[in-house]
Amino acid sequence: MLHTAHALVRYLAAATGLALLVAGPIMLGVGISGRHQVTSQLVAQQITFPADAKAGLPAAEAGYAGREVTTGPQAKAFSDMIETHIKEATGGKTYSQVSTAYLAAEADKATPAAALTTLSGERETAFMGESLRGSLLSAYQAWEVTDLVIGLGLAFTGIGAVTLFGAGVALAGTRRARKVTVPETAATLVEPELNPR
């Protein structure tokens, strides 16, 4: 009974190892495919960092000068650059704050037309900038998910191989042990009958 339980555990370990060994490469393929999709979508947008500070490149993103956005981390950096420009254009206000101020000014008939035009421009800049930031951050998050899937695929493959190998060694050891112990047990049971006292 104990041998049966041990054998069952070893077979379950082998099945688990095999499942992980199959799932790992599939996850790797899905992760790599996802990464290529993110890259192709970013390349299609033809987004390029400004060449230098004069062209609008903040110091924090200076390492990306003139480069095309093709990866998740680059999309995040471009998004950060847009956030810097939005804050400069709106005096540090968010889209929600600018929009609220614009609506209040529009409702107030005493607001000068020039002030209303300025608030309208800030609101439009903030809205467009935040929309682009959202798209770029989505690309960055998708890139991060592909990192996770690729990492899990590698882990599953490694754990599956080790588990399957360990289960195979254990099962082979069980078979060898049975071949050795079964004849010895049979001989001890038969021997008293052949050599009566």
Protein backbone atom coordinates (compact mmCIF):
# COMPACT_ATOMS: atom_id res chain seq x y z
CA MET A 1 0.00 0.00 0.00
CA LEU A 2 2.82 2.39 0.89
CA HIS A 3 4.66 1.53 -2.33
CA THR A 4 1.46 2.24 -4.29
CA ALA A 5 1.08 5.65 -2.64
CA HIS A 6 4.73 6.51 -3.36
CA ALA A 7 4.35 5.39 -6.96
CA LEU A 8 1.17 7.47 -7.34
CA VAL A 9 2.98 10.56 -5.99
CA ARG A 10 5.85 9.96 -8.41
CA TYR A 11 3.47 9.59 -11.37
CA LEU A 12 1.66 12.78 -10.36
CA ALA A 13 5.01 14.59 -10.09
CA ALA A 14 5.94 13.33 -13.56
CA ALA A 15 2.58 14.50 -14.98
CA THR A 16 3.02 17.91 -13.33
CA GLY A 17 6.55 18.20 -14.69
CA LEU A 18 5.34 17.29 -18.17
CA ALA A 19 2.50 19.84 -17.99
CA LEU A 20 4.91 22.59 -16.91
CA LEU A 21 7.39 21.56 -19.58
CA VAL A 22 4.65 21.93 -22.22
CA ALA A 23 3.19 25.17 -20.78
CA GLY A 24 6.56 26.90 -20.46
CA PRO A 25 7.46 27.10 -24.16
CA ILE A 26 3.87 28.07 -25.02
CA MET A 27 4.10 30.99 -22.57
CA LEU A 28 7.47 31.96 -24.02
CA GLY A 29 5.96 32.03 -27.50
CA VAL A 30 2.98 34.11 -26.38
CA GLY A 31 5.24 36.57 -24.53
CA ILE A 32 7.60 37.00 -27.46
CA SER A 33 4.68 37.38 -29.87
CA GLY A 34 3.11 40.02 -27.60
CA ARG A 35 6.38 41.92 -27.46
CA HIS A 36 6.59 41.95 -31.28
CA GLN A 37 3.01 43.26 -31.46
CA VAL A 38 3.78 46.12 -29.06
CA THR A 39 6.90 47.00 -31.04
CA SER A 40 5.09 46.92 -34.39
CA GLN A 41 2.29 49.15 -33.06
CA LEU A 42 4.79 51.66 -31.68
CA VAL A 43 6.82 51.67 -34.90
CA ALA A 44 3.62 52.28 -36.90
CA GLN A 45 3.01 55.46 -34.87
CA GLN A 46 6.39 56.90 -35.94
CA ILE A 47 6.96 58.66 -32.61
CA THR A 48 10.44 60.16 -32.25
CA PHE A 49 12.00 61.96 -29.30
CA PRO A 50 13.10 65.55 -29.94
CA ALA A 51 16.76 65.87 -30.90
CA ASP A 52 17.76 68.15 -28.00
CA ALA A 53 16.56 70.52 -25.29
CA LYS A 54 15.98 73.30 -27.83
CA ALA A 55 13.54 71.03 -29.64
CA GLY A 56 11.67 70.31 -26.39
CA LEU A 57 13.57 67.35 -24.91
CA PRO A 58 13.57 67.52 -21.09
CA ALA A 59 16.86 66.77 -19.31
CA ALA A 60 15.37 63.61 -17.74
CA GLU A 61 14.90 62.06 -21.20
CA ALA A 62 18.19 63.31 -22.72
CA GLY A 63 19.37 59.73 -23.26
CA TYR A 64 16.59 59.21 -25.81
CA ALA A 65 17.47 62.22 -28.00
CA GLY A 66 16.35 61.68 -31.59
CA ARG A 67 15.42 58.01 -31.03
CA GLU A 68 12.26 56.40 -32.34
CA VAL A 69 9.88 54.90 -29.76
CA THR A 70 9.92 51.12 -30.33
CA THR A 71 9.88 49.57 -26.82
CA GLY A 72 7.78 49.75 -23.67
CA PRO A 73 10.43 51.60 -21.63
CA GLN A 74 10.81 54.16 -24.44
CA ALA A 75 7.02 54.62 -24.51
CA LYS A 76 7.10 55.27 -20.75
CA ALA A 77 9.92 57.82 -21.17
CA PHE A 78 8.01 59.60 -23.96
CA SER A 79 4.93 59.63 -21.75
CA ASP A 80 6.97 61.22 -18.96
CA MET A 81 8.18 63.85 -21.43
CA ILE A 82 4.60 64.65 -22.43
CA GLU A 83 3.65 64.99 -18.76
CA THR A 84 6.47 67.54 -18.32
CA HIS A 85 5.18 69.54 -21.31
CA ILE A 86 1.57 69.41 -20.08
CA LYS A 87 2.63 70.78 -16.69
CA GLU A 88 4.59 73.55 -18.39
CA ALA A 89 1.64 74.46 -20.62
CA THR A 90 -0.98 74.44 -17.83
CA GLY A 91 1.08 75.82 -14.97
CA GLY A 92 1.17 72.44 -13.25
CA LYS A 93 -2.61 71.86 -13.45
CA THR A 94 -4.21 68.59 -14.48
CA TYR A 95 -6.75 68.28 -17.29
CA SER A 96 -9.53 68.09 -14.72
CA GLN A 97 -8.42 71.31 -13.03
CA VAL A 98 -8.02 73.18 -16.32
CA SER A 99 -11.38 71.93 -17.60
CA THR A 100 -13.13 72.97 -14.38
CA ALA A 101 -11.55 76.43 -14.59
CA TYR A 102 -12.57 76.75 -18.26
CA LEU A 103 -16.19 75.78 -17.57
CA ALA A 104 -16.39 78.22 -14.66
CA ALA A 105 -14.91 81.02 -16.78
CA GLU A 106 -17.28 80.23 -19.64
CA ALA A 107 -20.27 80.40 -17.29
CA ASP A 108 -19.06 83.72 -15.91
CA LYS A 109 -20.09 86.30 -18.50
CA ALA A 110 -17.57 88.79 -17.09
CA THR A 111 -14.56 86.62 -18.11
CA PRO A 112 -12.48 88.38 -20.78
CA ALA A 113 -12.34 86.63 -24.14
CA ALA A 114 -8.52 86.43 -23.98
CA ALA A 115 -8.65 84.56 -20.65
CA LEU A 116 -11.26 82.18 -22.02
CA THR A 117 -9.12 81.54 -25.11
CA THR A 118 -6.08 80.82 -22.93
CA LEU A 119 -8.04 78.37 -20.75
CA SER A 120 -9.49 76.71 -23.85
CA GLY A 121 -6.00 76.20 -25.28
CA GLU A 122 -4.71 74.80 -21.98
CA ARG A 123 -7.68 72.45 -21.77
CA GLU A 124 -7.14 71.19 -25.32
CA THR A 125 -3.39 70.74 -24.74
CA ALA A 126 -3.99 68.85 -21.50
CA PHE A 127 -6.66 66.64 -23.06
CA MET A 128 -4.60 65.72 -26.11
CA GLY A 129 -1.46 65.20 -24.04
CA GLU A 130 -3.21 63.00 -21.49
CA SER A 131 -4.80 60.94 -24.29
CA LEU A 132 -1.41 60.30 -25.88
CA ARG A 133 0.10 59.58 -22.46
CA GLY A 134 -2.64 57.00 -21.82
CA SER A 135 -1.89 55.22 -25.10
CA LEU A 136 1.84 55.18 -24.44
CA LEU A 137 1.37 53.95 -20.87
CA SER A 138 -0.87 51.16 -22.20
CA ALA A 139 1.95 50.10 -24.52
CA TYR A 140 4.36 50.20 -21.58
CA GLN A 141 2.04 48.07 -19.43
CA ALA A 142 1.59 45.56 -22.25
CA TRP A 143 5.39 45.39 -22.55
CA GLU A 144 5.67 44.71 -18.81
CA VAL A 145 3.08 41.93 -19.08
CA THR A 146 5.13 40.30 -21.85
CA ASP A 147 8.15 40.41 -19.50
CA LEU A 148 6.08 38.60 -16.88
CA VAL A 149 4.80 35.98 -19.34
CA ILE A 150 8.30 35.34 -20.72
CA GLY A 151 9.70 35.05 -17.18
CA LEU A 152 6.97 32.62 -16.15
CA GLY A 153 7.53 30.63 -19.34
CA LEU A 154 11.23 30.27 -18.51
CA ALA A 155 10.41 29.34 -14.90
CA PHE A 156 7.77 26.79 -15.92
CA THR A 157 10.15 25.21 -18.43
CA GLY A 158 12.94 24.93 -15.86
CA ILE A 159 10.73 23.68 -13.03
CA GLY A 160 8.99 21.25 -15.39
CA ALA A 161 12.30 19.81 -16.61
CA VAL A 162 13.66 19.39 -13.06
CA THR A 163 10.39 17.90 -11.78
CA LEU A 164 10.09 15.50 -14.70
CA PHE A 165 13.72 14.45 -14.37
CA GLY A 166 13.38 13.94 -10.60
CA ALA A 167 10.17 11.95 -11.01
CA GLY A 168 11.79 9.82 -13.72
CA VAL A 169 14.77 9.04 -11.47
CA ALA A 170 12.44 8.19 -8.58
CA LEU A 171 10.31 5.92 -10.77
CA ALA A 172 13.40 4.17 -12.13
CA GLY A 173 14.63 3.66 -8.56
CA THR A 174 11.27 2.15 -7.57
CA ARG A 175 11.42 -0.33 -10.47
CA ARG A 176 14.97 -1.37 -9.60
CA ALA A 177 14.02 -1.79 -5.94
CA ARG A 178 11.10 -4.04 -6.88
CA LYS A 179 13.31 -6.26 -9.07
CA VAL A 180 15.78 -6.72 -6.22
CA THR A 181 13.36 -7.17 -3.31
CA VAL A 182 10.70 -9.36 -4.95
CA PRO A 183 12.99 -12.38 -5.62
CA GLU A 184 14.52 -12.15 -2.12
CA THR A 185 11.05 -12.13 -0.55
CA ALA A 186 9.95 -15.06 -2.69
CA ALA A 187 13.07 -17.02 -1.78
CA THR A 188 12.50 -16.56 1.95
CA LEU A 189 8.91 -17.71 1.63
CA VAL A 190 9.79 -20.76 -0.44
CA GLU A 191 12.95 -21.77 1.41
CA PRO A 192 11.27 -23.09 4.58
CA GLU A 193 9.04 -25.36 2.49
CA LEU A 194 12.00 -26.84 0.56
CA ASN A 195 14.14 -27.40 3.66
CA PRO A 196 11.84 -28.73 6.36
CA ARG A 197 13.42 -29.22 9.82
